[in-house]
Amino acid sequence: MIISGGVNIYPAEIEAEILKLPGVADAAVFGIPDEEFGEQVCAVIQPRPGFQLDADQVKADLRKMLAGYKTPRTVEFNDTLPREDSGKIFKRKLRDPYWENAGRTI
């Protein structure tokens, strides 16, 4: 769960909407440090082969489906997402670099 400005945000809800977008193979959503709100929503998206996705367009598309505070402020793209042995996305490996120098943990 992401807590941003005192509001609980559930990554699974956002991931489900991202996966509906054309050209998206997989996605991971998690919280990263934010000075004003504590955490902000970040999405790392794995595009389907042959698709070129644009962060601003992804955000615009998600604003049509999600409340503004649930729309990721940060959208990044990776050709592959790290996975555990079980096949589940290893979100901690994606999230940890953002929190290394934050001076706090979640």
PDB file of N, CA and C in Angstrom:
ATOM      1  N   MET A   1       0.842  -1.173   0.000  1.00  0.00           N
ATOM      2  CA  MET A   1       0.000   0.000   0.000  1.00  0.00           C
ATOM      3  C   MET A   1       0.895   1.247   0.000  1.00  0.00           C
ATOM      4  N   ILE A   2       0.443   2.245  -0.696  1.00  0.00           N
ATOM      5  CA  ILE A   2       1.122   3.538  -0.764  1.00  0.00           C
ATOM      6  C   ILE A   2       0.289   4.521   0.059  1.00  0.00           C
ATOM      7  N   ILE A   3       0.942   5.264   0.933  1.00  0.00           N
ATOM      8  CA  ILE A   3       0.237   6.288   1.708  1.00  0.00           C
ATOM      9  C   ILE A   3       0.744   7.642   1.236  1.00  0.00           C
ATOM     10  N   SER A   4      -0.111   8.364   0.558  1.00  0.00           N
ATOM     11  CA  SER A   4       0.253   9.664  -0.007  1.00  0.00           C
ATOM     12  C   SER A   4      -0.704  10.721   0.519  1.00  0.00           C
ATOM     13  N   GLY A   5      -0.177  11.653   1.277  1.00  0.00           N
ATOM     14  CA  GLY A   5      -1.013  12.712   1.835  1.00  0.00           C
ATOM     15  C   GLY A   5      -2.103  12.165   2.753  1.00  0.00           C
ATOM     16  N   GLY A   6      -1.826  11.048   3.423  1.00  0.00           N
ATOM     17  CA  GLY A   6      -2.793  10.445   4.334  1.00  0.00           C
ATOM     18  C   GLY A   6      -3.834   9.572   3.656  1.00  0.00           C
ATOM     19  N   VAL A   7      -3.724   9.385   2.353  1.00  0.00           N
ATOM     20  CA  VAL A   7      -4.677   8.571   1.603  1.00  0.00           C
ATOM     21  C   VAL A   7      -4.034   7.231   1.261  1.00  0.00           C
ATOM     22  N   ASN A   8      -4.772   6.144   1.477  1.00  0.00           N
ATOM     23  CA  ASN A   8      -4.288   4.815   1.127  1.00  0.00           C
ATOM     24  C   ASN A   8      -4.531   4.551  -0.360  1.00  0.00           C
ATOM     25  N   ILE A   9      -3.466   4.163  -1.059  1.00  0.00           N
ATOM     26  CA  ILE A   9      -3.547   3.874  -2.486  1.00  0.00           C
ATOM     27  C   ILE A   9      -3.075   2.440  -2.697  1.00  0.00           C
ATOM     28  N   TYR A  10      -3.874   1.656  -3.406  1.00  0.00           N
ATOM     29  CA  TYR A  10      -3.569   0.253  -3.613  1.00  0.00           C
ATOM     30  C   TYR A  10      -2.950   0.035  -4.992  1.00  0.00           C
ATOM     31  N   PRO A  11      -1.672  -0.385  -5.035  1.00  0.00           N
ATOM     32  CA  PRO A  11      -0.979  -0.572  -6.310  1.00  0.00           C
ATOM     33  C   PRO A  11      -1.691  -1.523  -7.272  1.00  0.00           C
ATOM     34  N   ALA A  12      -2.318  -2.557  -6.776  1.00  0.00           N
ATOM     35  CA  ALA A  12      -2.972  -3.536  -7.652  1.00  0.00           C
ATOM     36  C   ALA A  12      -4.044  -2.885  -8.521  1.00  0.00           C
ATOM     37  N   GLU A  13      -4.761  -1.926  -7.974  1.00  0.00           N
ATOM     38  CA  GLU A  13      -5.796  -1.223  -8.743  1.00  0.00           C
ATOM     39  C   GLU A  13      -5.174  -0.464  -9.917  1.00  0.00           C
ATOM     40  N   ILE A  14      -4.062   0.198  -9.668  1.00  0.00           N
ATOM     41  CA  ILE A  14      -3.393   0.978 -10.708  1.00  0.00           C
ATOM     42  C   ILE A  14      -2.763   0.044 -11.740  1.00  0.00           C
ATOM     43  N   GLU A  15      -2.145  -1.027 -11.268  1.00  0.00           N
ATOM     44  CA  GLU A  15      -1.535  -1.998 -12.182  1.00  0.00           C
ATOM     45  C   GLU A  15      -2.577  -2.590 -13.128  1.00  0.00           C
ATOM     46  N   ALA A  16      -3.759  -2.878 -12.610  1.00  0.00           N
ATOM     47  CA  ALA A  16      -4.825  -3.440 -13.451  1.00  0.00           C
ATOM     48  C   ALA A  16      -5.197  -2.479 -14.576  1.00  0.00           C
ATOM     49  N   GLU A  17      -5.246  -1.192 -14.300  1.00  0.00           N
ATOM     50  CA  GLU A  17      -5.572  -0.203 -15.339  1.00  0.00           C
ATOM     51  C   GLU A  17      -4.424  -0.048 -16.344  1.00  0.00           C
ATOM     52  N   ILE A  18      -3.192  -0.090 -15.857  1.00  0.00           N
ATOM     53  CA  ILE A  18      -2.037   0.013 -16.759  1.00  0.00           C
ATOM     54  C   ILE A  18      -2.030  -1.161 -17.731  1.00  0.00           C
ATOM     55  N   LEU A  19      -2.336  -2.344 -17.230  1.00  0.00           N
ATOM     56  CA  LEU A  19      -2.311  -3.543 -18.074  1.00  0.00           C
ATOM     57  C   LEU A  19      -3.373  -3.511 -19.172  1.00  0.00           C
ATOM     58  N   LYS A  20      -4.360  -2.649 -19.047  1.00  0.00           N
ATOM     59  CA  LYS A  20      -5.386  -2.495 -20.082  1.00  0.00           C
ATOM     60  C   LYS A  20      -4.901  -1.642 -21.255  1.00  0.00           C
ATOM     61  N   LEU A  21      -3.814  -0.890 -21.044  1.00  0.00           N
ATOM     62  CA  LEU A  21      -3.320   0.005 -22.085  1.00  0.00           C
ATOM     63  C   LEU A  21      -2.644  -0.790 -23.208  1.00  0.00           C
ATOM     64  N   PRO A  22      -2.838  -0.368 -24.448  1.00  0.00           N
ATOM     65  CA  PRO A  22      -2.195  -1.074 -25.560  1.00  0.00           C
ATOM     66  C   PRO A  22      -0.673  -0.974 -25.470  1.00  0.00           C
ATOM     67  N   GLY A  23      -0.014  -2.076 -25.758  1.00  0.00           N
ATOM     68  CA  GLY A  23       1.440  -2.091 -25.772  1.00  0.00           C
ATOM     69  C   GLY A  23       2.093  -2.394 -24.446  1.00  0.00           C
ATOM     70  N   VAL A  24       1.303  -2.653 -23.402  1.00  0.00           N
ATOM     71  CA  VAL A  24       1.858  -2.936 -22.080  1.00  0.00           C
ATOM     72  C   VAL A  24       1.888  -4.440 -21.852  1.00  0.00           C
ATOM     73  N   ALA A  25       3.074  -4.970 -21.556  1.00  0.00           N
ATOM     74  CA  ALA A  25       3.215  -6.395 -21.254  1.00  0.00           C
ATOM     75  C   ALA A  25       3.038  -6.649 -19.761  1.00  0.00           C
ATOM     76  N   ASP A  26       3.630  -5.795 -18.921  1.00  0.00           N
ATOM     77  CA  ASP A  26       3.523  -5.960 -17.473  1.00  0.00           C
ATOM     78  C   ASP A  26       3.836  -4.633 -16.804  1.00  0.00           C
ATOM     79  N   ALA A  27       3.498  -4.534 -15.526  1.00  0.00           N
ATOM     80  CA  ALA A  27       3.727  -3.284 -14.800  1.00  0.00           C
ATOM     81  C   ALA A  27       3.867  -3.546 -13.311  1.00  0.00           C
ATOM     82  N   ALA A  28       4.623  -2.671 -12.662  1.00  0.00           N
ATOM     83  CA  ALA A  28       4.764  -2.686 -11.213  1.00  0.00           C
ATOM     84  C   ALA A  28       4.531  -1.265 -10.713  1.00  0.00           C
ATOM     85  N   VAL A  29       3.724  -1.140  -9.672  1.00  0.00           N
ATOM     86  CA  VAL A  29       3.412   0.164  -9.080  1.00  0.00           C
ATOM     87  C   VAL A  29       3.810   0.114  -7.609  1.00  0.00           C
ATOM     88  N   PHE A  30       4.474   1.168  -7.144  1.00  0.00           N
ATOM     89  CA  PHE A  30       4.932   1.229  -5.765  1.00  0.00           C
ATOM     90  C   PHE A  30       5.122   2.686  -5.373  1.00  0.00           C
ATOM     91  N   GLY A  31       5.333   2.921  -4.081  1.00  0.00           N
ATOM     92  CA  GLY A  31       5.520   4.274  -3.575  1.00  0.00           C
ATOM     93  C   GLY A  31       6.989   4.651  -3.520  1.00  0.00           C
ATOM     94  N   ILE A  32       7.269   5.907  -3.870  1.00  0.00           N
ATOM     95  CA  ILE A  32       8.616   6.457  -3.751  1.00  0.00           C
ATOM     96  C   ILE A  32       8.533   7.730  -2.903  1.00  0.00           C
ATOM     97  N   PRO A  33       9.659   8.167  -2.328  1.00  0.00           N
ATOM     98  CA  PRO A  33       9.632   9.329  -1.433  1.00  0.00           C
ATOM     99  C   PRO A  33       9.091  10.588  -2.118  1.00  0.00           C
ATOM    100  N   ASP A  34       8.327  11.347  -1.343  1.00  0.00           N
ATOM    101  CA  ASP A  34       7.811  12.634  -1.797  1.00  0.00           C
ATOM    102  C   ASP A  34       7.868  13.589  -0.609  1.00  0.00           C
ATOM    103  N   GLU A  35       8.518  14.710  -0.791  1.00  0.00           N
ATOM    104  CA  GLU A  35       8.698  15.682   0.302  1.00  0.00           C
ATOM    105  C   GLU A  35       7.371  16.205   0.835  1.00  0.00           C
ATOM    106  N   GLU A  36       6.435  16.466  -0.060  1.00  0.00           N
ATOM    107  CA  GLU A  36       5.173  17.082   0.344  1.00  0.00           C
ATOM    108  C   GLU A  36       4.160  16.079   0.897  1.00  0.00           C
ATOM    109  N   PHE A  37       4.023  14.927   0.226  1.00  0.00           N
ATOM    110  CA  PHE A  37       2.955  13.986   0.573  1.00  0.00           C
ATOM    111  C   PHE A  37       3.433  12.714   1.259  1.00  0.00           C
ATOM    112  N   GLY A  38       4.735  12.569   1.485  1.00  0.00           N
ATOM    113  CA  GLY A  38       5.260  11.366   2.124  1.00  0.00           C
ATOM    114  C   GLY A  38       5.678  10.328   1.086  1.00  0.00           C
ATOM    115  N   GLU A  39       4.729   9.955   0.231  1.00  0.00           N
ATOM    116  CA  GLU A  39       5.011   9.038  -0.864  1.00  0.00           C
ATOM    117  C   GLU A  39       4.261   9.514  -2.103  1.00  0.00           C
ATOM    118  N   GLN A  40       4.796   9.144  -3.266  1.00  0.00           N
ATOM    119  CA  GLN A  40       4.081   9.379  -4.511  1.00  0.00           C
ATOM    120  C   GLN A  40       4.046   8.074  -5.289  1.00  0.00           C
ATOM    121  N   VAL A  41       3.137   7.979  -6.215  1.00  0.00           N
ATOM    122  CA  VAL A  41       2.953   6.765  -6.998  1.00  0.00           C
ATOM    123  C   VAL A  41       3.960   6.732  -8.155  1.00  0.00           C
ATOM    124  N   CYS A  42       4.643   5.593  -8.273  1.00  0.00           N
ATOM    125  CA  CYS A  42       5.596   5.368  -9.358  1.00  0.00           C
ATOM    126  C   CYS A  42       5.198   4.082 -10.079  1.00  0.00           C
ATOM    127  N   ALA A  43       5.264   4.100 -11.394  1.00  0.00           N
ATOM    128  CA  ALA A  43       4.964   2.910 -12.196  1.00  0.00           C
ATOM    129  C   ALA A  43       6.159   2.587 -13.078  1.00  0.00           C
ATOM    130  N   VAL A  44       6.545   1.320 -13.085  1.00  0.00           N
ATOM    131  CA  VAL A  44       7.565   0.837 -14.012  1.00  0.00           C
ATOM    132  C   VAL A  44       6.850  -0.127 -14.942  1.00  0.00           C
ATOM    133  N   ILE A  45       6.927   0.163 -16.229  1.00  0.00           N
ATOM    134  CA  ILE A  45       6.159  -0.576 -17.227  1.00  0.00           C
ATOM    135  C   ILE A  45       7.095  -1.319 -18.168  1.00  0.00           C
ATOM    136  N   GLN A  46       6.728  -2.557 -18.442  1.00  0.00           N
ATOM    137  CA  GLN A  46       7.441  -3.366 -19.437  1.00  0.00           C
ATOM    138  C   GLN A  46       6.610  -3.340 -20.713  1.00  0.00           C
ATOM    139  N   PRO A  47       7.098  -2.657 -21.753  1.00  0.00           N
ATOM    140  CA  PRO A  47       6.340  -2.613 -23.009  1.00  0.00           C
ATOM    141  C   PRO A  47       6.386  -3.958 -23.733  1.00  0.00           C
ATOM    142  N   ARG A  48       5.369  -4.201 -24.539  1.00  0.00           N
ATOM    143  CA  ARG A  48       5.393  -5.377 -25.408  1.00  0.00           C
ATOM    144  C   ARG A  48       6.467  -5.151 -26.473  1.00  0.00           C
ATOM    145  N   PRO A  49       7.087  -6.223 -26.942  1.00  0.00           N
ATOM    146  CA  PRO A  49       8.095  -6.068 -28.000  1.00  0.00           C
ATOM    147  C   PRO A  49       7.512  -5.337 -29.213  1.00  0.00           C
ATOM    148  N   GLY A  50       8.263  -4.386 -29.718  1.00  0.00           N
ATOM    149  CA  GLY A  50       7.841  -3.638 -30.891  1.00  0.00           C
ATOM    150  C   GLY A  50       7.000  -2.411 -30.587  1.00  0.00           C
ATOM    151  N   PHE A  51       6.646  -2.187 -29.315  1.00  0.00           N
ATOM    152  CA  PHE A  51       5.842  -1.022 -28.941  1.00  0.00           C
ATOM    153  C   PHE A  51       6.726   0.038 -28.315  1.00  0.00           C
ATOM    154  N   GLN A  52       6.462   1.279 -28.652  1.00  0.00           N
ATOM    155  CA  GLN A  52       7.146   2.425 -28.061  1.00  0.00           C
ATOM    156  C   GLN A  52       6.105   3.187 -27.254  1.00  0.00           C
ATOM    157  N   LEU A  53       6.264   3.236 -25.948  1.00  0.00           N
ATOM    158  CA  LEU A  53       5.315   3.925 -25.088  1.00  0.00           C
ATOM    159  C   LEU A  53       5.892   5.257 -24.631  1.00  0.00           C
ATOM    160  N   ASP A  54       5.013   6.203 -24.351  1.00  0.00           N
ATOM    161  CA  ASP A  54       5.398   7.542 -23.920  1.00  0.00           C
ATOM    162  C   ASP A  54       4.829   7.784 -22.519  1.00  0.00           C
ATOM    163  N   ALA A  55       5.676   8.216 -21.599  1.00  0.00           N
ATOM    164  CA  ALA A  55       5.256   8.421 -20.206  1.00  0.00           C
ATOM    165  C   ALA A  55       4.103   9.411 -20.095  1.00  0.00           C
ATOM    166  N   ASP A  56       4.170  10.519 -20.821  1.00  0.00           N
ATOM    167  CA  ASP A  56       3.106  11.523 -20.740  1.00  0.00           C
ATOM    168  C   ASP A  56       1.783  10.967 -21.261  1.00  0.00           C
ATOM    169  N   GLN A  57       1.835  10.162 -22.310  1.00  0.00           N
ATOM    170  CA  GLN A  57       0.611   9.575 -22.858  1.00  0.00           C
ATOM    171  C   GLN A  57       0.028   8.544 -21.896  1.00  0.00           C
ATOM    172  N   VAL A  58       0.897   7.757 -21.266  1.00  0.00           N
ATOM    173  CA  VAL A  58       0.427   6.782 -20.275  1.00  0.00           C
ATOM    174  C   VAL A  58      -0.283   7.510 -19.136  1.00  0.00           C
ATOM    175  N   LYS A  59       0.313   8.581 -18.631  1.00  0.00           N
ATOM    176  CA  LYS A  59      -0.313   9.354 -17.552  1.00  0.00           C
ATOM    177  C   LYS A  59      -1.658   9.918 -17.998  1.00  0.00           C
ATOM    178  N   ALA A  60      -1.721  10.455 -19.204  1.00  0.00           N
ATOM    179  CA  ALA A  60      -2.976  11.028 -19.715  1.00  0.00           C
ATOM    180  C   ALA A  60      -4.051   9.953 -19.830  1.00  0.00           C
ATOM    181  N   ASP A  61      -3.686   8.786 -20.322  1.00  0.00           N
ATOM    182  CA  ASP A  61      -4.649   7.688 -20.442  1.00  0.00           C
ATOM    183  C   ASP A  61      -5.135   7.233 -19.072  1.00  0.00           C
ATOM    184  N   LEU A  62      -4.231   7.162 -18.107  1.00  0.00           N
ATOM    185  CA  LEU A  62      -4.618   6.710 -16.763  1.00  0.00           C
ATOM    186  C   LEU A  62      -5.494   7.737 -16.053  1.00  0.00           C
ATOM    187  N   ARG A  63      -5.293   9.019 -16.321  1.00  0.00           N
ATOM    188  CA  ARG A  63      -6.138  10.061 -15.700  1.00  0.00           C
ATOM    189  C   ARG A  63      -7.606   9.891 -16.079  1.00  0.00           C
ATOM    190  N   LYS A  64      -7.860   9.268 -17.231  1.00  0.00           N
ATOM    191  CA  LYS A  64      -9.237   9.023 -17.665  1.00  0.00           C
ATOM    192  C   LYS A  64      -9.880   7.886 -16.876  1.00  0.00           C
ATOM    193  N   MET A  65      -9.047   7.018 -16.284  1.00  0.00           N
ATOM    194  CA  MET A  65      -9.554   5.830 -15.607  1.00  0.00           C
ATOM    195  C   MET A  65      -9.400   5.870 -14.090  1.00  0.00           C
ATOM    196  N   LEU A  66      -8.498   6.730 -13.602  1.00  0.00           N
ATOM    197  CA  LEU A  66      -8.187   6.764 -12.177  1.00  0.00           C
ATOM    198  C   LEU A  66      -8.339   8.173 -11.620  1.00  0.00           C
ATOM    199  N   ALA A  67      -8.548   8.253 -10.320  1.00  0.00           N
ATOM    200  CA  ALA A  67      -8.546   9.552  -9.650  1.00  0.00           C
ATOM    201  C   ALA A  67      -7.157  10.171  -9.787  1.00  0.00           C
ATOM    202  N   GLY A  68      -7.066  11.471  -9.789  1.00  0.00           N
ATOM    203  CA  GLY A  68      -5.805  12.170  -9.980  1.00  0.00           C
ATOM    204  C   GLY A  68      -4.727  11.751  -9.006  1.00  0.00           C
ATOM    205  N   TYR A  69      -5.075  11.536  -7.735  1.00  0.00           N
ATOM    206  CA  TYR A  69      -4.068  11.170  -6.743  1.00  0.00           C
ATOM    207  C   TYR A  69      -3.558   9.744  -6.939  1.00  0.00           C
ATOM    208  N   LYS A  70      -4.256   8.941  -7.719  1.00  0.00           N
ATOM    209  CA  LYS A  70      -3.814   7.574  -8.006  1.00  0.00           C
ATOM    210  C   LYS A  70      -2.973   7.480  -9.277  1.00  0.00           C
ATOM    211  N   THR A  71      -3.004   8.509 -10.095  1.00  0.00           N
ATOM    212  CA  THR A  71      -2.244   8.510 -11.340  1.00  0.00           C
ATOM    213  C   THR A  71      -0.755   8.642 -11.014  1.00  0.00           C
ATOM    214  N   PRO A  72       0.076   7.749 -11.527  1.00  0.00           N
ATOM    215  CA  PRO A  72       1.515   7.829 -11.225  1.00  0.00           C
ATOM    216  C   PRO A  72       2.115   9.154 -11.669  1.00  0.00           C
ATOM    217  N   ARG A  73       2.887   9.757 -10.773  1.00  0.00           N
ATOM    218  CA  ARG A  73       3.622  10.973 -11.135  1.00  0.00           C
ATOM    219  C   ARG A  73       4.889  10.614 -11.885  1.00  0.00           C
ATOM    220  N   THR A  74       5.425   9.433 -11.576  1.00  0.00           N
ATOM    221  CA  THR A  74       6.639   8.955 -12.223  1.00  0.00           C
ATOM    222  C   THR A  74       6.302   7.688 -13.004  1.00  0.00           C
ATOM    223  N   VAL A  75       6.650   7.671 -14.284  1.00  0.00           N
ATOM    224  CA  VAL A  75       6.456   6.496 -15.133  1.00  0.00           C
ATOM    225  C   VAL A  75       7.778   6.203 -15.826  1.00  0.00           C
ATOM    226  N   GLU A  76       8.252   4.981 -15.649  1.00  0.00           N
ATOM    227  CA  GLU A  76       9.498   4.553 -16.282  1.00  0.00           C
ATOM    228  C   GLU A  76       9.232   3.288 -17.082  1.00  0.00           C
ATOM    229  N   PHE A  77      10.153   2.972 -17.975  1.00  0.00           N
ATOM    230  CA  PHE A  77      10.008   1.792 -18.819  1.00  0.00           C
ATOM    231  C   PHE A  77      11.257   0.932 -18.722  1.00  0.00           C
ATOM    232  N   ASN A  78      11.074  -0.382 -18.604  1.00  0.00           N
ATOM    233  CA  ASN A  78      12.159  -1.355 -18.597  1.00  0.00           C
ATOM    234  C   ASN A  78      11.787  -2.475 -19.556  1.00  0.00           C
ATOM    235  N   ASP A  79      12.778  -2.975 -20.275  1.00  0.00           N
ATOM    236  CA  ASP A  79      12.513  -4.089 -21.190  1.00  0.00           C
ATOM    237  C   ASP A  79      12.096  -5.352 -20.450  1.00  0.00           C
ATOM    238  N   THR A  80      12.612  -5.523 -19.236  1.00  0.00           N
ATOM    239  CA  THR A  80      12.218  -6.650 -18.388  1.00  0.00           C
ATOM    240  C   THR A  80      12.079  -6.154 -16.957  1.00  0.00           C
ATOM    241  N   LEU A  81      11.226  -6.814 -16.201  1.00  0.00           N
ATOM    242  CA  LEU A  81      11.058  -6.488 -14.793  1.00  0.00           C
ATOM    243  C   LEU A  81      11.676  -7.613 -13.972  1.00  0.00           C
ATOM    244  N   PRO A  82      12.352  -7.279 -12.859  1.00  0.00           N
ATOM    245  CA  PRO A  82      12.975  -8.333 -12.045  1.00  0.00           C
ATOM    246  C   PRO A  82      11.901  -9.225 -11.429  1.00  0.00           C
ATOM    247  N   ARG A  83      12.188 -10.519 -11.410  1.00  0.00           N
ATOM    248  CA  ARG A  83      11.211 -11.474 -10.898  1.00  0.00           C
ATOM    249  C   ARG A  83      11.835 -12.391  -9.854  1.00  0.00           C
ATOM    250  N   GLU A  84      11.002 -12.786  -8.916  1.00  0.00           N
ATOM    251  CA  GLU A  84      11.398 -13.780  -7.924  1.00  0.00           C
ATOM    252  C   GLU A  84      11.372 -15.149  -8.600  1.00  0.00           C
ATOM    253  N   ASP A  85      11.864 -16.161  -7.909  1.00  0.00           N
ATOM    254  CA  ASP A  85      11.853 -17.520  -8.458  1.00  0.00           C
ATOM    255  C   ASP A  85      10.444 -17.992  -8.784  1.00  0.00           C
ATOM    256  N   SER A  86       9.470 -17.470  -8.054  1.00  0.00           N
ATOM    257  CA  SER A  86       8.074 -17.850  -8.275  1.00  0.00           C
ATOM    258  C   SER A  86       7.475 -17.182  -9.518  1.00  0.00           C
ATOM    259  N   GLY A  87       8.189 -16.209 -10.089  1.00  0.00           N
ATOM    260  CA  GLY A  87       7.687 -15.481 -11.252  1.00  0.00           C
ATOM    261  C   GLY A  87       7.043 -14.151 -10.904  1.00  0.00           C
ATOM    262  N   LYS A  88       6.833 -13.907  -9.621  1.00  0.00           N
ATOM    263  CA  LYS A  88       6.239 -12.644  -9.166  1.00  0.00           C
ATOM    264  C   LYS A  88       7.252 -11.507  -9.341  1.00  0.00           C
ATOM    265  N   ILE A  89       6.768 -10.326  -9.704  1.00  0.00           N
ATOM    266  CA  ILE A  89       7.648  -9.163  -9.860  1.00  0.00           C
ATOM    267  C   ILE A  89       8.286  -8.821  -8.514  1.00  0.00           C
ATOM    268  N   PHE A  90       9.593  -8.621  -8.533  1.00  0.00           N
ATOM    269  CA  PHE A  90      10.370  -8.314  -7.337  1.00  0.00           C
ATOM    270  C   PHE A  90      10.378  -6.801  -7.155  1.00  0.00           C
ATOM    271  N   LYS A  91       9.300  -6.255  -6.603  1.00  0.00           N
ATOM    272  CA  LYS A  91       9.136  -4.802  -6.489  1.00  0.00           C
ATOM    273  C   LYS A  91      10.211  -4.155  -5.627  1.00  0.00           C
ATOM    274  N   ARG A  92      10.685  -4.878  -4.637  1.00  0.00           N
ATOM    275  CA  ARG A  92      11.694  -4.294  -3.749  1.00  0.00           C
ATOM    276  C   ARG A  92      12.932  -3.877  -4.532  1.00  0.00           C
ATOM    277  N   LYS A  93      13.317  -4.652  -5.542  1.00  0.00           N
ATOM    278  CA  LYS A  93      14.487  -4.303  -6.357  1.00  0.00           C
ATOM    279  C   LYS A  93      14.239  -3.038  -7.174  1.00  0.00           C
ATOM    280  N   LEU A  94      12.996  -2.781  -7.527  1.00  0.00           N
ATOM    281  CA  LEU A  94      12.654  -1.568  -8.261  1.00  0.00           C
ATOM    282  C   LEU A  94      12.554  -0.362  -7.322  1.00  0.00           C
ATOM    283  N   ARG A  95      12.010  -0.602  -6.136  1.00  0.00           N
ATOM    284  CA  ARG A  95      11.720   0.470  -5.181  1.00  0.00           C
ATOM    285  C   ARG A  95      12.947   0.934  -4.391  1.00  0.00           C
ATOM    286  N   ASP A  96      13.836   0.003  -4.013  1.00  0.00           N
ATOM    287  CA  ASP A  96      14.945   0.321  -3.112  1.00  0.00           C
ATOM    288  C   ASP A  96      15.830   1.480  -3.567  1.00  0.00           C
ATOM    289  N   PRO A  97      16.192   1.588  -4.853  1.00  0.00           N
ATOM    290  CA  PRO A  97      17.057   2.717  -5.242  1.00  0.00           C
ATOM    291  C   PRO A  97      16.460   4.094  -4.926  1.00  0.00           C
ATOM    292  N   TYR A  98      15.159   4.220  -4.949  1.00  0.00           N
ATOM    293  CA  TYR A  98      14.511   5.500  -4.639  1.00  0.00           C
ATOM    294  C   TYR A  98      14.620   5.849  -3.153  1.00  0.00           C
ATOM    295  N   TRP A  99      14.642   4.821  -2.300  1.00  0.00           N
ATOM    296  CA  TRP A  99      14.626   5.032  -0.862  1.00  0.00           C
ATOM    297  C   TRP A  99      16.023   5.055  -0.238  1.00  0.00           C
ATOM    298  N   GLU A 100      17.069   4.690  -1.000  1.00  0.00           N
ATOM    299  CA  GLU A 100      18.422   4.610  -0.448  1.00  0.00           C
ATOM    300  C   GLU A 100      18.866   5.899   0.222  1.00  0.00           C
ATOM    301  N   ASN A 101      18.629   7.023  -0.400  1.00  0.00           N
ATOM    302  CA  ASN A 101      19.103   8.310   0.123  1.00  0.00           C
ATOM    303  C   ASN A 101      17.974   9.178   0.676  1.00  0.00           C
ATOM    304  N   ALA A 102      16.847   8.573   0.970  1.00  0.00           N
ATOM    305  CA  ALA A 102      15.681   9.336   1.440  1.00  0.00           C
ATOM    306  C   ALA A 102      15.806   9.732   2.907  1.00  0.00           C
ATOM    307  N   GLY A 103      16.687   9.056   3.648  1.00  0.00           N
ATOM    308  CA  GLY A 103      16.826   9.374   5.066  1.00  0.00           C
ATOM    309  C   GLY A 103      15.725   8.785   5.915  1.00  0.00           C
ATOM    310  N   ARG A 104      14.883   7.968   5.304  1.00  0.00           N
ATOM    311  CA  ARG A 104      13.794   7.297   6.020  1.00  0.00           C
ATOM    312  C   ARG A 104      13.388   6.063   5.225  1.00  0.00           C
ATOM    313  N   THR A 105      12.558   5.248   5.823  1.00  0.00           N
ATOM    314  CA  THR A 105      12.061   4.055   5.138  1.00  0.00           C
ATOM    315  C   THR A 105      10.549   4.081   5.160  1.00  0.00           C
ATOM    316  N   ILE A 106       9.971   3.170   4.408  1.00  0.00           N
ATOM    317  CA  ILE A 106       8.507   3.108   4.393  1.00  0.00           C
ATOM    318  C   ILE A 106       8.005   2.141   5.429  1.00  0.00           C
TER     319      ILE A 106
END
